[in-house]
Protein backbone atom coordinates (compact mmCIF):
# COMPACT_ATOMS: atom_id res chain seq x y z
CA MET A 1 84.04 120.44 165.99
CA LYS A 2 85.16 121.80 169.40
CA PHE A 3 82.06 124.45 169.58
CA ASP A 4 79.55 121.73 169.36
CA SER A 5 79.22 121.49 173.18
CA LEU A 6 78.97 125.37 173.46
CA LYS A 7 76.38 125.51 170.73
CA ASN A 8 74.38 122.49 172.47
CA ARG A 9 74.64 124.51 176.01
CA ILE A 10 73.44 127.82 174.31
CA ALA A 11 70.52 126.07 172.88
CA ALA A 12 69.56 124.47 176.16
CA LEU A 13 69.75 127.75 177.93
CA GLU A 14 67.55 129.34 175.36
CA ASN A 15 64.79 127.03 175.95
CA ARG A 16 64.84 127.53 179.55
CA ILE A 17 64.64 130.98 178.92
CA ILE A 18 61.38 130.62 177.12
CA GLU A 19 59.87 128.27 179.51
CA ALA A 20 60.58 130.74 182.34
CA LEU A 21 58.67 133.31 180.62
CA PRO A 22 55.18 134.32 181.93
CA PRO A 23 52.32 133.12 179.57
CA TRP A 24 51.28 135.97 176.99
CA PRO A 25 48.97 137.49 176.89
CA PRO A 26 48.76 137.68 180.71
CA THR A 27 46.64 135.56 182.67
CA GLU A 28 42.89 136.92 183.18
CA GLY A 29 42.66 138.31 186.44
CA SER A 30 46.13 139.25 187.28
CA PHE A 31 47.47 142.80 187.76
CA SER A 32 49.82 142.24 184.50
CA TYR A 33 46.37 141.39 182.62
CA CYS A 34 45.02 144.89 184.16
CA LEU A 35 48.08 146.60 182.66
CA TRP A 36 47.93 144.90 179.53
CA GLN A 37 44.35 145.99 178.96
CA LYS A 38 44.76 149.41 179.76
CA LEU A 39 47.75 149.63 177.46
CA GLY A 40 45.66 148.41 174.64
CA LYS A 41 46.20 144.70 174.49
CA PRO A 42 49.55 145.04 172.78
CA GLY A 43 50.71 141.77 170.74
CA GLU A 44 54.26 142.14 171.55
CA ARG A 45 55.32 140.52 174.80
CA HIS A 46 56.45 143.37 177.43
CA GLY A 47 57.91 142.93 180.74
CA PHE A 48 55.85 143.50 183.99
CA MET A 49 57.94 146.58 184.75
CA GLU A 50 57.81 147.89 181.36
CA MET A 51 53.92 147.75 181.23
CA TYR A 52 53.78 149.08 184.85
CA LYS A 53 56.18 152.19 183.92
CA GLN A 54 54.16 152.78 180.65
CA ARG A 55 50.82 152.85 182.36
CA ALA A 56 52.22 155.16 185.12
CA ALA A 57 53.48 157.61 182.41
CA ASP A 58 50.08 157.28 180.77
CA PHE A 59 48.47 158.08 184.05
CA TRP A 60 50.61 160.95 184.79
CA ARG A 61 50.08 162.45 181.36
CA ASP A 62 46.28 162.04 181.68
CA GLN A 63 46.17 163.62 185.25
CA ASN A 64 48.27 166.49 184.19
CA GLY A 65 46.61 167.26 180.88
CA LYS A 66 43.11 168.02 182.20
């Protein structure tokens, strides 16, 4: 089939993406680990910036709510 090479290329790229992702949960002692803990140790993988923004929003809410 003429799409076999494309299918194989997509599979190879997907494997590279998975290998390039940082470990989950984050490595203990890292800043990502601190964010992960403060967010309640979510089981679903989150990117660094997503966790950072969520923590910043939580901090802002907590500071203005008191």
